Amino acid sequence: MASHGKELSEDLKKRIVALHKDGLGYKEIAKTLKLSCSTVTKTIQRFNRTGSTQNRPRHGRP
């Protein structure tokens, strides 16, 4: 299995949401910020579901 990358900074997540609110699509945001489309999609979906861009607390040992 591939290892997971680092978490996105809060600033970057807020920029993703702001660009989406401005009307840009997932692919345009991904190209602009040099991220994968799935990362952008998951970030926006989490924001729509919870109203926040913060990560949930982890279980167990980090």
PDB file of N, CA and C in Angstrom:
ATOM      1  N   MET A   1       0.826  -1.186   0.000  1.00  0.00           N
ATOM      2  CA  MET A   1       0.000   0.000   0.000  1.00  0.00           C
ATOM      3  C   MET A   1       0.867   1.245   0.000  1.00  0.00           C
ATOM      4  N   ALA A   2       0.414   2.266  -0.675  1.00  0.00           N
ATOM      5  CA  ALA A   2       1.174   3.518  -0.733  1.00  0.00           C
ATOM      6  C   ALA A   2       1.068   4.252   0.599  1.00  0.00           C
ATOM      7  N   SER A   3       2.141   4.919   0.967  1.00  0.00           N
ATOM      8  CA  SER A   3       2.110   5.676   2.221  1.00  0.00           C
ATOM      9  C   SER A   3       1.310   6.959   2.027  1.00  0.00           C
ATOM     10  N   HIS A   4       0.790   7.442   3.114  1.00  0.00           N
ATOM     11  CA  HIS A   4       0.006   8.670   3.066  1.00  0.00           C
ATOM     12  C   HIS A   4       0.937   9.873   3.080  1.00  0.00           C
ATOM     13  N   GLY A   5       0.511  10.944   2.434  1.00  0.00           N
ATOM     14  CA  GLY A   5       1.303  12.160   2.415  1.00  0.00           C
ATOM     15  C   GLY A   5       1.060  12.977   3.672  1.00  0.00           C
ATOM     16  N   LYS A   6       1.634  14.154   3.691  1.00  0.00           N
ATOM     17  CA  LYS A   6       1.452  15.029   4.840  1.00  0.00           C
ATOM     18  C   LYS A   6       0.082  15.688   4.772  1.00  0.00           C
ATOM     19  N   GLU A   7      -0.383  16.135   5.933  1.00  0.00           N
ATOM     20  CA  GLU A   7      -1.654  16.841   5.978  1.00  0.00           C
ATOM     21  C   GLU A   7      -1.509  18.195   5.301  1.00  0.00           C
ATOM     22  N   LEU A   8      -2.596  18.661   4.725  1.00  0.00           N
ATOM     23  CA  LEU A   8      -2.599  19.985   4.134  1.00  0.00           C
ATOM     24  C   LEU A   8      -2.670  21.023   5.239  1.00  0.00           C
ATOM     25  N   SER A   9      -2.052  22.164   5.012  1.00  0.00           N
ATOM     26  CA  SER A   9      -2.138  23.233   6.004  1.00  0.00           C
ATOM     27  C   SER A   9      -3.544  23.820   5.994  1.00  0.00           C
ATOM     28  N   GLU A  10      -3.935  24.417   7.109  1.00  0.00           N
ATOM     29  CA  GLU A  10      -5.261  25.031   7.205  1.00  0.00           C
ATOM     30  C   GLU A  10      -5.413  26.137   6.169  1.00  0.00           C
ATOM     31  N   ASP A  11      -4.328  26.866   5.923  1.00  0.00           N
ATOM     32  CA  ASP A  11      -4.373  27.951   4.936  1.00  0.00           C
ATOM     33  C   ASP A  11      -4.688  27.407   3.541  1.00  0.00           C
ATOM     34  N   LEU A  12      -4.061  26.301   3.186  1.00  0.00           N
ATOM     35  CA  LEU A  12      -4.281  25.708   1.875  1.00  0.00           C
ATOM     36  C   LEU A  12      -5.714  25.193   1.743  1.00  0.00           C
ATOM     37  N   LYS A  13      -6.228  24.577   2.798  1.00  0.00           N
ATOM     38  CA  LYS A  13      -7.608  24.077   2.763  1.00  0.00           C
ATOM     39  C   LYS A  13      -8.598  25.231   2.614  1.00  0.00           C
ATOM     40  N   LYS A  14      -8.320  26.336   3.290  1.00  0.00           N
ATOM     41  CA  LYS A  14      -9.206  27.495   3.182  1.00  0.00           C
ATOM     42  C   LYS A  14      -9.151  28.091   1.773  1.00  0.00           C
ATOM     43  N   ARG A  15      -7.971  28.061   1.134  1.00  0.00           N
ATOM     44  CA  ARG A  15      -7.849  28.545  -0.252  1.00  0.00           C
ATOM     45  C   ARG A  15      -8.649  27.661  -1.203  1.00  0.00           C
ATOM     46  N   ILE A  16      -8.635  26.336  -0.975  1.00  0.00           N
ATOM     47  CA  ILE A  16      -9.407  25.416  -1.808  1.00  0.00           C
ATOM     48  C   ILE A  16     -10.893  25.752  -1.721  1.00  0.00           C
ATOM     49  N   VAL A  17     -11.393  25.940  -0.503  1.00  0.00           N
ATOM     50  CA  VAL A  17     -12.815  26.241  -0.304  1.00  0.00           C
ATOM     51  C   VAL A  17     -13.162  27.598  -0.911  1.00  0.00           C
ATOM     52  N   ALA A  18     -12.279  28.585  -0.746  1.00  0.00           N
ATOM     53  CA  ALA A  18     -12.541  29.922  -1.286  1.00  0.00           C
ATOM     54  C   ALA A  18     -12.607  29.888  -2.814  1.00  0.00           C
ATOM     55  N   LEU A  19     -11.693  29.159  -3.454  1.00  0.00           N
ATOM     56  CA  LEU A  19     -11.716  29.056  -4.910  1.00  0.00           C
ATOM     57  C   LEU A  19     -12.984  28.353  -5.390  1.00  0.00           C
ATOM     58  N   HIS A  20     -13.430  27.357  -4.631  1.00  0.00           N
ATOM     59  CA  HIS A  20     -14.661  26.658  -5.001  1.00  0.00           C
ATOM     60  C   HIS A  20     -15.871  27.591  -4.883  1.00  0.00           C
ATOM     61  N   LYS A  21     -15.888  28.400  -3.838  1.00  0.00           N
ATOM     62  CA  LYS A  21     -16.987  29.359  -3.675  1.00  0.00           C
ATOM     63  C   LYS A  21     -16.977  30.415  -4.774  1.00  0.00           C
ATOM     64  N   ASP A  22     -15.794  30.702  -5.320  1.00  0.00           N
ATOM     65  CA  ASP A  22     -15.684  31.665  -6.420  1.00  0.00           C
ATOM     66  C   ASP A  22     -16.149  31.073  -7.753  1.00  0.00           C
ATOM     67  N   GLY A  23     -16.445  29.773  -7.766  1.00  0.00           N
ATOM     68  CA  GLY A  23     -17.008  29.169  -8.961  1.00  0.00           C
ATOM     69  C   GLY A  23     -16.063  28.284  -9.747  1.00  0.00           C
ATOM     70  N   LEU A  24     -14.846  28.066  -9.271  1.00  0.00           N
ATOM     71  CA  LEU A  24     -13.920  27.187  -9.979  1.00  0.00           C
ATOM     72  C   LEU A  24     -14.294  25.726  -9.732  1.00  0.00           C
ATOM     73  N   GLY A  25     -14.030  24.882 -10.724  1.00  0.00           N
ATOM     74  CA  GLY A  25     -14.295  23.458 -10.599  1.00  0.00           C
ATOM     75  C   GLY A  25     -13.130  22.744  -9.926  1.00  0.00           C
ATOM     76  N   TYR A  26     -13.351  21.464  -9.603  1.00  0.00           N
ATOM     77  CA  TYR A  26     -12.326  20.677  -8.919  1.00  0.00           C
ATOM     78  C   TYR A  26     -11.033  20.609  -9.716  1.00  0.00           C
ATOM     79  N   LYS A  27     -11.151  20.359 -11.029  1.00  0.00           N
ATOM     80  CA  LYS A  27      -9.951  20.209 -11.859  1.00  0.00           C
ATOM     81  C   LYS A  27      -9.182  21.522 -11.967  1.00  0.00           C
ATOM     82  N   GLU A  28      -9.901  22.637 -12.075  1.00  0.00           N
ATOM     83  CA  GLU A  28      -9.231  23.939 -12.166  1.00  0.00           C
ATOM     84  C   GLU A  28      -8.498  24.262 -10.870  1.00  0.00           C
ATOM     85  N   ILE A  29      -9.130  23.963  -9.744  1.00  0.00           N
ATOM     86  CA  ILE A  29      -8.490  24.209  -8.446  1.00  0.00           C
ATOM     87  C   ILE A  29      -7.245  23.333  -8.310  1.00  0.00           C
ATOM     88  N   ALA A  30      -7.365  22.068  -8.695  1.00  0.00           N
ATOM     89  CA  ALA A  30      -6.232  21.139  -8.595  1.00  0.00           C
ATOM     90  C   ALA A  30      -5.054  21.616  -9.437  1.00  0.00           C
ATOM     91  N   LYS A  31      -5.318  22.098 -10.654  1.00  0.00           N
ATOM     92  CA  LYS A  31      -4.238  22.601 -11.500  1.00  0.00           C
ATOM     93  C   LYS A  31      -3.619  23.861 -10.918  1.00  0.00           C
ATOM     94  N   THR A  32      -4.462  24.767 -10.425  1.00  0.00           N
ATOM     95  CA  THR A  32      -3.975  26.030  -9.879  1.00  0.00           C
ATOM     96  C   THR A  32      -3.058  25.816  -8.677  1.00  0.00           C
ATOM     97  N   LEU A  33      -3.459  24.913  -7.774  1.00  0.00           N
ATOM     98  CA  LEU A  33      -2.698  24.703  -6.534  1.00  0.00           C
ATOM     99  C   LEU A  33      -1.733  23.527  -6.609  1.00  0.00           C
ATOM    100  N   LYS A  34      -1.676  22.874  -7.790  1.00  0.00           N
ATOM    101  CA  LYS A  34      -0.783  21.722  -8.001  1.00  0.00           C
ATOM    102  C   LYS A  34      -1.057  20.598  -6.992  1.00  0.00           C
ATOM    103  N   LEU A  35      -2.347  20.239  -6.884  1.00  0.00           N
ATOM    104  CA  LEU A  35      -2.770  19.141  -6.028  1.00  0.00           C
ATOM    105  C   LEU A  35      -3.514  18.126  -6.885  1.00  0.00           C
ATOM    106  N   SER A  36      -3.759  16.950  -6.333  1.00  0.00           N
ATOM    107  CA  SER A  36      -4.553  15.973  -7.071  1.00  0.00           C
ATOM    108  C   SER A  36      -6.031  16.361  -6.981  1.00  0.00           C
ATOM    109  N   CYS A  37      -6.770  15.930  -7.971  1.00  0.00           N
ATOM    110  CA  CYS A  37      -8.197  16.249  -8.022  1.00  0.00           C
ATOM    111  C   CYS A  37      -8.924  15.591  -6.847  1.00  0.00           C
ATOM    112  N   SER A  38      -8.500  14.396  -6.456  1.00  0.00           N
ATOM    113  CA  SER A  38      -9.170  13.715  -5.347  1.00  0.00           C
ATOM    114  C   SER A  38      -8.946  14.442  -4.026  1.00  0.00           C
ATOM    115  N   THR A  39      -7.778  15.053  -3.844  1.00  0.00           N
ATOM    116  CA  THR A  39      -7.509  15.824  -2.630  1.00  0.00           C
ATOM    117  C   THR A  39      -8.447  17.020  -2.549  1.00  0.00           C
ATOM    118  N   VAL A  40      -8.614  17.708  -3.662  1.00  0.00           N
ATOM    119  CA  VAL A  40      -9.500  18.862  -3.715  1.00  0.00           C
ATOM    120  C   VAL A  40     -10.935  18.425  -3.439  1.00  0.00           C
ATOM    121  N   THR A  41     -11.356  17.339  -4.083  1.00  0.00           N
ATOM    122  CA  THR A  41     -12.713  16.829  -3.915  1.00  0.00           C
ATOM    123  C   THR A  41     -12.996  16.476  -2.461  1.00  0.00           C
ATOM    124  N   LYS A  42     -12.085  15.745  -1.832  1.00  0.00           N
ATOM    125  CA  LYS A  42     -12.296  15.330  -0.450  1.00  0.00           C
ATOM    126  C   LYS A  42     -12.317  16.521   0.501  1.00  0.00           C
ATOM    127  N   THR A  43     -11.475  17.518   0.249  1.00  0.00           N
ATOM    128  CA  THR A  43     -11.442  18.699   1.099  1.00  0.00           C
ATOM    129  C   THR A  43     -12.760  19.464   1.015  1.00  0.00           C
ATOM    130  N   ILE A  44     -13.282  19.634  -0.196  1.00  0.00           N
ATOM    131  CA  ILE A  44     -14.538  20.363  -0.374  1.00  0.00           C
ATOM    132  C   ILE A  44     -15.711  19.565   0.197  1.00  0.00           C
ATOM    133  N   GLN A  45     -15.715  18.251  -0.001  1.00  0.00           N
ATOM    134  CA  GLN A  45     -16.789  17.431   0.548  1.00  0.00           C
ATOM    135  C   GLN A  45     -16.786  17.466   2.076  1.00  0.00           C
ATOM    136  N   ARG A  46     -15.596  17.449   2.686  1.00  0.00           N
ATOM    137  CA  ARG A  46     -15.515  17.528   4.139  1.00  0.00           C
ATOM    138  C   ARG A  46     -16.055  18.867   4.623  1.00  0.00           C
ATOM    139  N   PHE A  47     -15.723  19.939   3.898  1.00  0.00           N
ATOM    140  CA  PHE A  47     -16.217  21.257   4.283  1.00  0.00           C
ATOM    141  C   PHE A  47     -17.743  21.315   4.174  1.00  0.00           C
ATOM    142  N   ASN A  48     -18.301  20.756   3.095  1.00  0.00           N
ATOM    143  CA  ASN A  48     -19.753  20.771   2.927  1.00  0.00           C
ATOM    144  C   ASN A  48     -20.459  19.937   3.988  1.00  0.00           C
ATOM    145  N   ARG A  49     -19.839  18.842   4.406  1.00  0.00           N
ATOM    146  CA  ARG A  49     -20.439  17.947   5.387  1.00  0.00           C
ATOM    147  C   ARG A  49     -20.363  18.514   6.806  1.00  0.00           C
ATOM    148  N   THR A  50     -19.212  19.085   7.180  1.00  0.00           N
ATOM    149  CA  THR A  50     -19.003  19.503   8.561  1.00  0.00           C
ATOM    150  C   THR A  50     -19.026  21.013   8.755  1.00  0.00           C
ATOM    151  N   GLY A  51     -18.836  21.774   7.671  1.00  0.00           N
ATOM    152  CA  GLY A  51     -18.776  23.228   7.794  1.00  0.00           C
ATOM    153  C   GLY A  51     -17.431  23.723   8.277  1.00  0.00           C
ATOM    154  N   SER A  52     -16.443  22.822   8.313  1.00  0.00           N
ATOM    155  CA  SER A  52     -15.115  23.178   8.799  1.00  0.00           C
ATOM    156  C   SER A  52     -14.070  22.460   7.952  1.00  0.00           C
ATOM    157  N   THR A  53     -12.863  23.013   7.912  1.00  0.00           N
ATOM    158  CA  THR A  53     -11.780  22.354   7.180  1.00  0.00           C
ATOM    159  C   THR A  53     -10.824  21.639   8.119  1.00  0.00           C
ATOM    160  N   GLN A  54     -11.092  21.661   9.406  1.00  0.00           N
ATOM    161  CA  GLN A  54     -10.175  21.030  10.359  1.00  0.00           C
ATOM    162  C   GLN A  54     -10.303  19.523  10.324  1.00  0.00           C
ATOM    163  N   ASN A  55      -9.179  18.841  10.559  1.00  0.00           N
ATOM    164  CA  ASN A  55      -9.158  17.391  10.589  1.00  0.00           C
ATOM    165  C   ASN A  55      -9.788  16.893  11.891  1.00  0.00           C
ATOM    166  N   ARG A  56     -10.370  15.704  11.812  1.00  0.00           N
ATOM    167  CA  ARG A  56     -10.927  15.103  13.015  1.00  0.00           C
ATOM    168  C   ARG A  56      -9.782  14.534  13.849  1.00  0.00           C
ATOM    169  N   PRO A  57      -9.980  14.430  15.163  1.00  0.00           N
ATOM    170  CA  PRO A  57      -8.912  13.862  16.005  1.00  0.00           C
ATOM    171  C   PRO A  57      -8.653  12.407  15.646  1.00  0.00           C
ATOM    172  N   ARG A  58      -7.412  12.014  15.778  1.00  0.00           N
ATOM    173  CA  ARG A  58      -7.022  10.656  15.434  1.00  0.00           C
ATOM    174  C   ARG A  58      -7.249   9.725  16.608  1.00  0.00           C
ATOM    175  N   HIS A  59      -7.399   8.454  16.301  1.00  0.00           N
ATOM    176  CA  HIS A  59      -7.537   7.430  17.342  1.00  0.00           C
ATOM    177  C   HIS A  59      -6.197   6.747  17.538  1.00  0.00           C
ATOM    178  N   GLY A  60      -5.886   6.392  18.752  1.00  0.00           N
ATOM    179  CA  GLY A  60      -4.689   5.610  19.017  1.00  0.00           C
ATOM    180  C   GLY A  60      -3.416   6.405  18.885  1.00  0.00           C
ATOM    181  N   ARG A  61      -2.347   5.664  18.789  1.00  0.00           N
ATOM    182  CA  ARG A  61      -1.021   6.273  18.731  1.00  0.00           C
ATOM    183  C   ARG A  61      -0.753   6.840  17.354  1.00  0.00           C
ATOM    184  N   PRO A  62      -0.266   8.105  17.273  1.00  0.00           N
ATOM    185  CA  PRO A  62       0.006   8.684  15.946  1.00  0.00           C
ATOM    186  C   PRO A  62       1.231   8.072  15.289  1.00  0.00           C
TER     187      PRO A  62
END
